[in-house]
PDB file of N, CA and C in Angstrom:
ATOM      1  N   MET A   1       0.838  -1.182   0.000  1.00  0.00           N
ATOM      2  CA  MET A   1       0.000   0.000   0.000  1.00  0.00           C
ATOM      3  C   MET A   1       0.874   1.233   0.000  1.00  0.00           C
ATOM      4  N   ALA A   2       0.445   2.221  -0.690  1.00  0.00           N
ATOM      5  CA  ALA A   2       1.186   3.467  -0.687  1.00  0.00           C
ATOM      6  C   ALA A   2       0.961   4.183   0.635  1.00  0.00           C
ATOM      7  N   GLU A   3       1.960   4.878   1.077  1.00  0.00           N
ATOM      8  CA  GLU A   3       1.860   5.517   2.384  1.00  0.00           C
ATOM      9  C   GLU A   3       1.033   6.788   2.357  1.00  0.00           C
ATOM     10  N   ASN A   4       0.749   7.322   1.207  1.00  0.00           N
ATOM     11  CA  ASN A   4       0.023   8.581   1.147  1.00  0.00           C
ATOM     12  C   ASN A   4      -1.439   8.405   0.767  1.00  0.00           C
ATOM     13  N   GLU A   5      -1.976   7.214   0.929  1.00  0.00           N
ATOM     14  CA  GLU A   5      -3.375   6.996   0.630  1.00  0.00           C
ATOM     15  C   GLU A   5      -4.215   7.644   1.712  1.00  0.00           C
ATOM     16  N   PRO A   6      -5.327   8.273   1.368  1.00  0.00           N
ATOM     17  CA  PRO A   6      -6.072   9.073   2.337  1.00  0.00           C
ATOM     18  C   PRO A   6      -6.685   8.267   3.476  1.00  0.00           C
ATOM     19  N   TRP A   7      -7.005   7.014   3.252  1.00  0.00           N
ATOM     20  CA  TRP A   7      -7.648   6.242   4.311  1.00  0.00           C
ATOM     21  C   TRP A   7      -6.638   5.588   5.249  1.00  0.00           C
ATOM     22  N   GLN A   8      -5.382   5.685   4.930  1.00  0.00           N
ATOM     23  CA  GLN A   8      -4.360   5.062   5.762  1.00  0.00           C
ATOM     24  C   GLN A   8      -3.880   6.053   6.814  1.00  0.00           C
ATOM     25  N   ASP A   9      -3.804   5.597   8.032  1.00  0.00           N
ATOM     26  CA  ASP A   9      -3.319   6.438   9.124  1.00  0.00           C
ATOM     27  C   ASP A   9      -1.823   6.652   8.943  1.00  0.00           C
ATOM     28  N   PRO A  10      -1.373   7.906   8.806  1.00  0.00           N
ATOM     29  CA  PRO A  10       0.045   8.137   8.514  1.00  0.00           C
ATOM     30  C   PRO A  10       0.982   7.731   9.654  1.00  0.00           C
ATOM     31  N   LYS A  11       0.451   7.581  10.849  1.00  0.00           N
ATOM     32  CA  LYS A  11       1.314   7.262  11.990  1.00  0.00           C
ATOM     33  C   LYS A  11       1.355   5.765  12.303  1.00  0.00           C
ATOM     34  N   SER A  12       0.490   4.983  11.655  1.00  0.00           N
ATOM     35  CA  SER A  12       0.498   3.550  11.933  1.00  0.00           C
ATOM     36  C   SER A  12       1.557   2.869  11.089  1.00  0.00           C
ATOM     37  N   PRO A  13       2.259   1.887  11.660  1.00  0.00           N
ATOM     38  CA  PRO A  13       3.277   1.185  10.873  1.00  0.00           C
ATOM     39  C   PRO A  13       2.611   0.297   9.820  1.00  0.00           C
ATOM     40  N   GLN A  14       3.328   0.074   8.737  1.00  0.00           N
ATOM     41  CA  GLN A  14       2.784  -0.768   7.677  1.00  0.00           C
ATOM     42  C   GLN A  14       2.740  -2.204   8.163  1.00  0.00           C
ATOM     43  N   ASP A  15       1.701  -2.887   7.805  1.00  0.00           N
ATOM     44  CA  ASP A  15       1.519  -4.267   8.213  1.00  0.00           C
ATOM     45  C   ASP A  15       2.635  -5.118   7.600  1.00  0.00           C
ATOM     46  N   ALA A  16       3.261  -5.957   8.419  1.00  0.00           N
ATOM     47  CA  ALA A  16       4.373  -6.791   7.958  1.00  0.00           C
ATOM     48  C   ALA A  16       3.913  -7.789   6.899  1.00  0.00           C
ATOM     49  N   ARG A  17       2.680  -8.234   6.996  1.00  0.00           N
ATOM     50  CA  ARG A  17       2.176  -9.178   5.999  1.00  0.00           C
ATOM     51  C   ARG A  17       2.079  -8.530   4.625  1.00  0.00           C
ATOM     52  N   LEU A  18       1.640  -7.263   4.581  1.00  0.00           N
ATOM     53  CA  LEU A  18       1.552  -6.571   3.296  1.00  0.00           C
ATOM     54  C   LEU A  18       2.932  -6.315   2.710  1.00  0.00           C
ATOM     55  N   ALA A  19       3.885  -5.966   3.548  1.00  0.00           N
ATOM     56  CA  ALA A  19       5.247  -5.740   3.061  1.00  0.00           C
ATOM     57  C   ALA A  19       5.817  -7.030   2.493  1.00  0.00           C
ATOM     58  N   SER A  20       5.572  -8.143   3.190  1.00  0.00           N
ATOM     59  CA  SER A  20       6.054  -9.436   2.721  1.00  0.00           C
ATOM     60  C   SER A  20       5.382  -9.816   1.398  1.00  0.00           C
ATOM     61  N   LEU A  21       4.102  -9.544   1.301  1.00  0.00           N
ATOM     62  CA  LEU A  21       3.374  -9.850   0.075  1.00  0.00           C
ATOM     63  C   LEU A  21       3.896  -9.011  -1.092  1.00  0.00           C
ATOM     64  N   ASP A  22       4.164  -7.726  -0.845  1.00  0.00           N
ATOM     65  CA  ASP A  22       4.718  -6.867  -1.895  1.00  0.00           C
ATOM     66  C   ASP A  22       6.069  -7.384  -2.373  1.00  0.00           C
ATOM     67  N   GLU A  23       6.914  -7.804  -1.451  1.00  0.00           N
ATOM     68  CA  GLU A  23       8.236  -8.328  -1.819  1.00  0.00           C
ATOM     69  C   GLU A  23       8.111  -9.612  -2.637  1.00  0.00           C
ATOM     70  N   ARG A  24       7.234 -10.510  -2.197  1.00  0.00           N
ATOM     71  CA  ARG A  24       7.048 -11.767  -2.915  1.00  0.00           C
ATOM     72  C   ARG A  24       6.481 -11.530  -4.304  1.00  0.00           C
ATOM     73  N   LEU A  25       5.558 -10.584  -4.422  1.00  0.00           N
ATOM     74  CA  LEU A  25       4.973 -10.267  -5.719  1.00  0.00           C
ATOM     75  C   LEU A  25       6.027  -9.691  -6.656  1.00  0.00           C
ATOM     76  N   ALA A  26       6.853  -8.780  -6.191  1.00  0.00           N
ATOM     77  CA  ALA A  26       7.905  -8.198  -7.026  1.00  0.00           C
ATOM     78  C   ALA A  26       8.899  -9.267  -7.458  1.00  0.00           C
ATOM     79  N   ARG A  27       9.250 -10.161  -6.548  1.00  0.00           N
ATOM     80  CA  ARG A  27      10.179 -11.245  -6.872  1.00  0.00           C
ATOM     81  C   ARG A  27       9.579 -12.194  -7.907  1.00  0.00           C
ATOM     82  N   ALA A  28       8.299 -12.522  -7.757  1.00  0.00           N
ATOM     83  CA  ALA A  28       7.628 -13.421  -8.700  1.00  0.00           C
ATOM     84  C   ALA A  28       7.533 -12.780 -10.085  1.00  0.00           C
ATOM     85  N   GLN A  29       7.250 -11.491 -10.141  1.00  0.00           N
ATOM     86  CA  GLN A  29       7.183 -10.820 -11.432  1.00  0.00           C
ATOM     87  C   GLN A  29       8.545 -10.777 -12.107  1.00  0.00           C
ATOM     88  N   ALA A  30       9.600 -10.541 -11.330  1.00  0.00           N
ATOM     89  CA  ALA A  30      10.952 -10.512 -11.895  1.00  0.00           C
ATOM     90  C   ALA A  30      11.347 -11.902 -12.391  1.00  0.00           C
ATOM     91  N   ASP A  31      11.016 -12.945 -11.610  1.00  0.00           N
ATOM     92  CA  ASP A  31      11.321 -14.310 -12.025  1.00  0.00           C
ATOM     93  C   ASP A  31      10.570 -14.679 -13.309  1.00  0.00           C
ATOM     94  N   GLU A  32       9.316 -14.281 -13.403  1.00  0.00           N
ATOM     95  CA  GLU A  32       8.522 -14.585 -14.588  1.00  0.00           C
ATOM     96  C   GLU A  32       9.075 -13.866 -15.816  1.00  0.00           C
ATOM     97  N   ALA A  33       9.475 -12.619 -15.648  1.00  0.00           N
ATOM     98  CA  ALA A  33      10.050 -11.876 -16.768  1.00  0.00           C
ATOM     99  C   ALA A  33      11.369 -12.504 -17.210  1.00  0.00           C
ATOM    100  N   ALA A  34      12.175 -12.965 -16.259  1.00  0.00           N
ATOM    101  CA  ALA A  34      13.444 -13.608 -16.603  1.00  0.00           C
ATOM    102  C   ALA A  34      13.202 -14.965 -17.266  1.00  0.00           C
ATOM    103  N   ARG A  35      12.192 -15.688 -16.801  1.00  0.00           N
ATOM    104  CA  ARG A  35      11.900 -17.007 -17.351  1.00  0.00           C
ATOM    105  C   ARG A  35      11.393 -16.921 -18.779  1.00  0.00           C
ATOM    106  N   THR A  36      10.469 -16.018 -19.040  1.00  0.00           N
ATOM    107  CA  THR A  36       9.891 -15.927 -20.380  1.00  0.00           C
ATOM    108  C   THR A  36      10.721 -15.064 -21.308  1.00  0.00           C
ATOM    109  N   GLY A  37      11.570 -14.251 -20.761  1.00  0.00           N
ATOM    110  CA  GLY A  37      12.419 -13.403 -21.576  1.00  0.00           C
ATOM    111  C   GLY A  37      11.656 -12.293 -22.264  1.00  0.00           C
ATOM    112  N   THR A  38      10.511 -11.957 -21.741  1.00  0.00           N
ATOM    113  CA  THR A  38       9.722 -10.895 -22.361  1.00  0.00           C
ATOM    114  C   THR A  38      10.010  -9.578 -21.677  1.00  0.00           C
ATOM    115  N   LYS A  39      10.159  -8.600 -22.503  1.00  0.00           N
ATOM    116  CA  LYS A  39      10.302  -7.238 -22.023  1.00  0.00           C
ATOM    117  C   LYS A  39       9.316  -6.400 -22.802  1.00  0.00           C
ATOM    118  N   ARG A  40       8.997  -5.259 -22.266  1.00  0.00           N
ATOM    119  CA  ARG A  40       8.119  -4.366 -23.006  1.00  0.00           C
ATOM    120  C   ARG A  40       8.888  -3.798 -24.178  1.00  0.00           C
ATOM    121  N   ARG A  41       8.356  -4.034 -25.343  1.00  0.00           N
ATOM    122  CA  ARG A  41       9.023  -3.542 -26.539  1.00  0.00           C
ATOM    123  C   ARG A  41       8.498  -2.158 -26.882  1.00  0.00           C
ATOM    124  N   ALA A  42       9.388  -1.354 -27.382  1.00  0.00           N
ATOM    125  CA  ALA A  42       8.977  -0.054 -27.898  1.00  0.00           C
ATOM    126  C   ALA A  42       8.280  -0.294 -29.239  1.00  0.00           C
ATOM    127  N   PRO A  43       7.302   0.535 -29.571  1.00  0.00           N
ATOM    128  CA  PRO A  43       6.641   0.336 -30.862  1.00  0.00           C
ATOM    129  C   PRO A  43       7.637   0.480 -32.005  1.00  0.00           C
ATOM    130  N   ALA A  44       7.388  -0.243 -33.054  1.00  0.00           N
ATOM    131  CA  ALA A  44       8.272  -0.196 -34.215  1.00  0.00           C
ATOM    132  C   ALA A  44       8.302   1.216 -34.787  1.00  0.00           C
ATOM    133  N   LYS A  45       9.390   1.525 -35.463  1.00  0.00           N
ATOM    134  CA  LYS A  45       9.568   2.884 -35.961  1.00  0.00           C
ATOM    135  C   LYS A  45       8.520   3.262 -36.996  1.00  0.00           C
ATOM    136  N   GLY A  46       8.041   2.316 -37.757  1.00  0.00           N
ATOM    137  CA  GLY A  46       7.087   2.627 -38.810  1.00  0.00           C
ATOM    138  C   GLY A  46       5.650   2.733 -38.342  1.00  0.00           C
ATOM    139  N   ASP A  47       5.380   2.401 -37.086  1.00  0.00           N
ATOM    140  CA  ASP A  47       4.003   2.440 -36.605  1.00  0.00           C
ATOM    141  C   ASP A  47       3.426   3.852 -36.632  1.00  0.00           C
ATOM    142  N   ALA A  48       4.223   4.832 -36.241  1.00  0.00           N
ATOM    143  CA  ALA A  48       3.732   6.213 -36.248  1.00  0.00           C
ATOM    144  C   ALA A  48       3.452   6.662 -37.679  1.00  0.00           C
ATOM    145  N   GLN A  49       4.329   6.270 -38.579  1.00  0.00           N
ATOM    146  CA  GLN A  49       4.133   6.631 -39.982  1.00  0.00           C
ATOM    147  C   GLN A  49       2.886   5.940 -40.550  1.00  0.00           C
ATOM    148  N   GLY A  50       2.681   4.704 -40.187  1.00  0.00           N
ATOM    149  CA  GLY A  50       1.488   3.988 -40.645  1.00  0.00           C
ATOM    150  C   GLY A  50       0.217   4.616 -40.119  1.00  0.00           C
ATOM    151  N   GLY A  51       0.248   5.074 -38.878  1.00  0.00           N
ATOM    152  CA  GLY A  51      -0.911   5.758 -38.319  1.00  0.00           C
ATOM    153  C   GLY A  51      -1.213   7.061 -39.041  1.00  0.00           C
ATOM    154  N   ARG A  52      -0.157   7.794 -39.380  1.00  0.00           N
ATOM    155  CA  ARG A  52      -0.348   9.033 -40.137  1.00  0.00           C
ATOM    156  C   ARG A  52      -0.961   8.750 -41.495  1.00  0.00           C
ATOM    157  N   ILE A  53      -0.449   7.725 -42.171  1.00  0.00           N
ATOM    158  CA  ILE A  53      -0.965   7.386 -43.503  1.00  0.00           C
ATOM    159  C   ILE A  53      -2.426   6.967 -43.419  1.00  0.00           C
ATOM    160  N   LEU A  54      -2.762   6.156 -42.429  1.00  0.00           N
ATOM    161  CA  LEU A  54      -4.147   5.713 -42.274  1.00  0.00           C
ATOM    162  C   LEU A  54      -5.071   6.894 -42.013  1.00  0.00           C
ATOM    163  N   SER A  55      -4.649   7.803 -41.141  1.00  0.00           N
ATOM    164  CA  SER A  55      -5.508   8.950 -40.844  1.00  0.00           C
ATOM    165  C   SER A  55      -5.673   9.850 -42.061  1.00  0.00           C
ATOM    166  N   VAL A  56      -4.625   9.993 -42.861  1.00  0.00           N
ATOM    167  CA  VAL A  56      -4.726  10.809 -44.079  1.00  0.00           C
ATOM    168  C   VAL A  56      -5.676  10.156 -45.068  1.00  0.00           C
ATOM    169  N   LEU A  57      -5.552   8.838 -45.258  1.00  0.00           N
ATOM    170  CA  LEU A  57      -6.390   8.140 -46.231  1.00  0.00           C
ATOM    171  C   LEU A  57      -7.866   8.155 -45.852  1.00  0.00           C
ATOM    172  N   VAL A  58      -8.149   8.283 -44.569  1.00  0.00           N
ATOM    173  CA  VAL A  58      -9.550   8.325 -44.134  1.00  0.00           C
ATOM    174  C   VAL A  58     -10.063   9.758 -44.076  1.00  0.00           C
ATOM    175  N   SER A  59      -9.273  10.664 -43.500  1.00  0.00           N
ATOM    176  CA  SER A  59      -9.798  11.997 -43.216  1.00  0.00           C
ATOM    177  C   SER A  59      -9.876  12.906 -44.432  1.00  0.00           C
ATOM    178  N   TYR A  60      -8.932  12.839 -45.350  1.00  0.00           N
ATOM    179  CA  TYR A  60      -8.974  13.736 -46.510  1.00  0.00           C
ATOM    180  C   TYR A  60     -10.217  13.499 -47.365  1.00  0.00           C
ATOM    181  N   PRO A  61     -10.505  12.259 -47.770  1.00  0.00           N
ATOM    182  CA  PRO A  61     -11.732  12.059 -48.571  1.00  0.00           C
ATOM    183  C   PRO A  61     -13.006  12.362 -47.790  1.00  0.00           C
ATOM    184  N   LEU A  62     -13.038  12.007 -46.501  1.00  0.00           N
ATOM    185  CA  LEU A  62     -14.249  12.281 -45.724  1.00  0.00           C
ATOM    186  C   LEU A  62     -14.470  13.777 -45.557  1.00  0.00           C
ATOM    187  N   GLY A  63     -13.407  14.490 -45.271  1.00  0.00           N
ATOM    188  CA  GLY A  63     -13.540  15.929 -45.103  1.00  0.00           C
ATOM    189  C   GLY A  63     -13.944  16.624 -46.382  1.00  0.00           C
ATOM    190  N   SER A  64     -13.289  16.272 -47.472  1.00  0.00           N
ATOM    191  CA  SER A  64     -13.642  16.921 -48.741  1.00  0.00           C
ATOM    192  C   SER A  64     -15.033  16.494 -49.202  1.00  0.00           C
ATOM    193  N   GLY A  65     -15.410  15.256 -48.922  1.00  0.00           N
ATOM    194  CA  GLY A  65     -16.764  14.814 -49.270  1.00  0.00           C
ATOM    195  C   GLY A  65     -17.825  15.559 -48.471  1.00  0.00           C
ATOM    196  N   ALA A  66     -17.540  15.826 -47.210  1.00  0.00           N
ATOM    197  CA  ALA A  66     -18.491  16.585 -46.388  1.00  0.00           C
ATOM    198  C   ALA A  66     -18.626  18.014 -46.895  1.00  0.00           C
ATOM    199  N   ILE A  67     -17.505  18.611 -47.289  1.00  0.00           N
ATOM    200  CA  ILE A  67     -17.565  19.960 -47.854  1.00  0.00           C
ATOM    201  C   ILE A  67     -18.354  19.946 -49.164  1.00  0.00           C
ATOM    202  N   GLY A  68     -18.110  18.944 -50.009  1.00  0.00           N
ATOM    203  CA  GLY A  68     -18.853  18.826 -51.261  1.00  0.00           C
ATOM    204  C   GLY A  68     -20.333  18.615 -51.033  1.00  0.00           C
ATOM    205  N   TYR A  69     -20.674  17.824 -50.022  1.00  0.00           N
ATOM    206  CA  TYR A  69     -22.086  17.596 -49.696  1.00  0.00           C
ATOM    207  C   TYR A  69     -22.752  18.893 -49.255  1.00  0.00           C
ATOM    208  N   ALA A  70     -22.048  19.668 -48.444  1.00  0.00           N
ATOM    209  CA  ALA A  70     -22.603  20.943 -47.991  1.00  0.00           C
ATOM    210  C   ALA A  70     -22.817  21.890 -49.174  1.00  0.00           C
ATOM    211  N   ILE A  71     -21.853  21.930 -50.077  1.00  0.00           N
ATOM    212  CA  ILE A  71     -22.000  22.780 -51.264  1.00  0.00           C
ATOM    213  C   ILE A  71     -23.187  22.303 -52.104  1.00  0.00           C
ATOM    214  N   ASP A  72     -23.324  20.989 -52.253  1.00  0.00           N
ATOM    215  CA  ASP A  72     -24.456  20.446 -53.007  1.00  0.00           C
ATOM    216  C   ASP A  72     -25.785  20.823 -52.373  1.00  0.00           C
ATOM    217  N   ARG A  73     -25.861  20.773 -51.076  1.00  0.00           N
ATOM    218  CA  ARG A  73     -27.119  21.091 -50.387  1.00  0.00           C
ATOM    219  C   ARG A  73     -27.498  22.555 -50.584  1.00  0.00           C
ATOM    220  N   PHE A  74     -26.506  23.442 -50.515  1.00  0.00           N
ATOM    221  CA  PHE A  74     -26.805  24.867 -50.656  1.00  0.00           C
ATOM    222  C   PHE A  74     -27.020  25.261 -52.118  1.00  0.00           C
ATOM    223  N   ALA A  75     -26.285  24.638 -53.035  1.00  0.00           N
ATOM    224  CA  ALA A  75     -26.381  25.011 -54.443  1.00  0.00           C
ATOM    225  C   ALA A  75     -27.462  24.233 -55.196  1.00  0.00           C
ATOM    226  N   GLY A  76     -27.924  23.141 -54.628  1.00  0.00           N
ATOM    227  CA  GLY A  76     -28.955  22.340 -55.273  1.00  0.00           C
ATOM    228  C   GLY A  76     -28.416  21.481 -56.405  1.00  0.00           C
ATOM    229  N   THR A  77     -27.135  21.141 -56.357  1.00  0.00           N
ATOM    230  CA  THR A  77     -26.540  20.304 -57.389  1.00  0.00           C
ATOM    231  C   THR A  77     -26.302  18.906 -56.828  1.00  0.00           C
ATOM    232  N   ARG A  78     -25.777  18.007 -57.687  1.00  0.00           N
ATOM    233  CA  ARG A  78     -25.485  16.653 -57.238  1.00  0.00           C
ATOM    234  C   ARG A  78     -24.068  16.210 -57.567  1.00  0.00           C
ATOM    235  N   TRP A  79     -23.314  16.933 -58.297  1.00  0.00           N
ATOM    236  CA  TRP A  79     -22.022  16.485 -58.788  1.00  0.00           C
ATOM    237  C   TRP A  79     -20.840  17.022 -57.992  1.00  0.00           C
ATOM    238  N   VAL A  80     -21.030  18.040 -57.195  1.00  0.00           N
ATOM    239  CA  VAL A  80     -19.902  18.644 -56.471  1.00  0.00           C
ATOM    240  C   VAL A  80     -19.316  17.663 -55.454  1.00  0.00           C
ATOM    241  N   VAL A  81     -20.154  16.857 -54.837  1.00  0.00           N
ATOM    242  CA  VAL A  81     -19.655  15.903 -53.843  1.00  0.00           C
ATOM    243  C   VAL A  81     -18.706  14.897 -54.498  1.00  0.00           C
ATOM    244  N   LEU A  82     -19.016  14.468 -55.725  1.00  0.00           N
ATOM    245  CA  LEU A  82     -18.134  13.525 -56.415  1.00  0.00           C
ATOM    246  C   LEU A  82     -16.801  14.168 -56.773  1.00  0.00           C
ATOM    247  N   VAL A  83     -16.857  15.393 -57.232  1.00  0.00           N
ATOM    248  CA  VAL A  83     -15.617  16.101 -57.557  1.00  0.00           C
ATOM    249  C   VAL A  83     -14.768  16.276 -56.304  1.00  0.00           C
ATOM    250  N   MET A  84     -15.409  16.651 -55.209  1.00  0.00           N
ATOM    251  CA  MET A  84     -14.665  16.858 -53.964  1.00  0.00           C
ATOM    252  C   MET A  84     -14.094  15.541 -53.427  1.00  0.00           C
ATOM    253  N   LEU A  85     -14.816  14.444 -53.598  1.00  0.00           N
ATOM    254  CA  LEU A  85     -14.281  13.149 -53.178  1.00  0.00           C
ATOM    255  C   LEU A  85     -13.023  12.795 -53.961  1.00  0.00           C
ATOM    256  N   PHE A  86     -13.069  12.991 -55.277  1.00  0.00           N
ATOM    257  CA  PHE A  86     -11.877  12.717 -56.088  1.00  0.00           C
ATOM    258  C   PHE A  86     -10.723  13.635 -55.719  1.00  0.00           C
ATOM    259  N   LEU A  87     -11.023  14.889 -55.469  1.00  0.00           N
ATOM    260  CA  LEU A  87      -9.965  15.805 -55.026  1.00  0.00           C
ATOM    261  C   LEU A  87      -9.397  15.373 -53.670  1.00  0.00           C
ATOM    262  N   GLY A  88     -10.254  14.894 -52.787  1.00  0.00           N
ATOM    263  CA  GLY A  88      -9.793  14.411 -51.488  1.00  0.00           C
ATOM    264  C   GLY A  88      -8.900  13.187 -51.626  1.00  0.00           C
ATOM    265  N   PHE A  89      -9.276  12.269 -52.501  1.00  0.00           N
ATOM    266  CA  PHE A  89      -8.437  11.093 -52.731  1.00  0.00           C
ATOM    267  C   PHE A  89      -7.100  11.492 -53.351  1.00  0.00           C
ATOM    268  N   GLY A  90      -7.145  12.433 -54.286  1.00  0.00           N
ATOM    269  CA  GLY A  90      -5.907  12.902 -54.893  1.00  0.00           C
ATOM    270  C   GLY A  90      -4.992  13.577 -53.876  1.00  0.00           C
ATOM    271  N   ALA A  91      -5.568  14.404 -53.021  1.00  0.00           N
ATOM    272  CA  ALA A  91      -4.771  15.063 -51.987  1.00  0.00           C
ATOM    273  C   ALA A  91      -4.209  14.039 -51.000  1.00  0.00           C
ATOM    274  N   ALA A  92      -5.001  13.018 -50.688  1.00  0.00           N
ATOM    275  CA  ALA A  92      -4.522  11.966 -49.782  1.00  0.00           C
ATOM    276  C   ALA A  92      -3.360  11.203 -50.396  1.00  0.00           C
ATOM    277  N   MET A  93      -3.457  10.890 -51.676  1.00  0.00           N
ATOM    278  CA  MET A  93      -2.364  10.180 -52.347  1.00  0.00           C
ATOM    279  C   MET A  93      -1.094  11.029 -52.383  1.00  0.00           C
ATOM    280  N   ARG A  94      -1.259  12.317 -52.615  1.00  0.00           N
ATOM    281  CA  ARG A  94      -0.097  13.213 -52.616  1.00  0.00           C
ATOM    282  C   ARG A  94       0.545  13.257 -51.238  1.00  0.00           C
ATOM    283  N   GLU A  95      -0.270  13.318 -50.197  1.00  0.00           N
ATOM    284  CA  GLU A  95       0.268  13.353 -48.830  1.00  0.00           C
ATOM    285  C   GLU A  95       0.926  12.026 -48.462  1.00  0.00           C
ATOM    286  N   VAL A  96       0.356  10.914 -48.878  1.00  0.00           N
ATOM    287  CA  VAL A  96       0.966   9.609 -48.621  1.00  0.00           C
ATOM    288  C   VAL A  96       2.314   9.525 -49.330  1.00  0.00           C
ATOM    289  N   TRP A  97       2.395  10.053 -50.535  1.00  0.00           N
ATOM    290  CA  TRP A  97       3.667  10.066 -51.257  1.00  0.00           C
ATOM    291  C   TRP A  97       4.705  10.875 -50.489  1.00  0.00           C
ATOM    292  N   LYS A  98       4.311  12.039 -49.973  1.00  0.00           N
ATOM    293  CA  LYS A  98       5.236  12.865 -49.198  1.00  0.00           C
ATOM    294  C   LYS A  98       5.690  12.151 -47.920  1.00  0.00           C
ATOM    295  N   ILE A  99       4.776  11.465 -47.252  1.00  0.00           N
ATOM    296  CA  ILE A  99       5.127  10.743 -46.030  1.00  0.00           C
ATOM    297  C   ILE A  99       6.066   9.595 -46.351  1.00  0.00           C
ATOM    298  N   SER A 100       5.817   8.914 -47.468  1.00  0.00           N
ATOM    299  CA  SER A 100       6.657   7.756 -47.814  1.00  0.00           C
ATOM    300  C   SER A 100       8.079   8.168 -48.206  1.00  0.00           C
ATOM    301  N   GLN A 101       8.262   9.399 -48.623  1.00  0.00           N
ATOM    302  CA  GLN A 101       9.602   9.864 -48.981  1.00  0.00           C
ATOM    303  C   GLN A 101      10.444  10.185 -47.752  1.00  0.00           C
ATOM    304  N   GLN A 102       9.806  10.354 -46.609  1.00  0.00           N
ATOM    305  CA  GLN A 102      10.540  10.587 -45.365  1.00  0.00           C
ATOM    306  C   GLN A 102      11.011   9.253 -44.830  1.00  0.00           C
ATOM    307  N   GLY A 103      12.093   9.281 -44.072  1.00  0.00           N
ATOM    308  CA  GLY A 103      12.562   8.052 -43.426  1.00  0.00           C
ATOM    309  C   GLY A 103      11.678   7.714 -42.245  1.00  0.00           C
ATOM    310  N   PRO A 104      11.786   6.492 -41.745  1.00  0.00           N
ATOM    311  CA  PRO A 104      10.993   6.142 -40.561  1.00  0.00           C
ATOM    312  C   PRO A 104      11.411   6.992 -39.378  1.00  0.00           C
ATOM    313  N   GLU A 105      10.436   7.356 -38.591  1.00  0.00           N
ATOM    314  CA  GLU A 105      10.678   8.243 -37.458  1.00  0.00           C
ATOM    315  C   GLU A 105      11.319   7.537 -36.300  1.00  0.00           C
TER     316      GLU A 105
END
């Protein structure tokens, strides 16, 4: 237990059983990590780049399509949304190309 928890009396000594349990738990976790050889891995370098590419591929067409839909609603046309979708896909492809030219972060 942490010593600064509000329900714990700051002047009472920590229970020996809890201290023993904490020590045994830490030892068991260390033994398990050594046995399995697993450590927390840092995310791969390309994961951030992949996330950026995914967000660009989704958000550019959706955003431009929403703008095209709004223009269609106000202007009373039906073709602006399609043009804006294609422009959004084109802009997304251009941005993906720019991201791919950078090295992994």
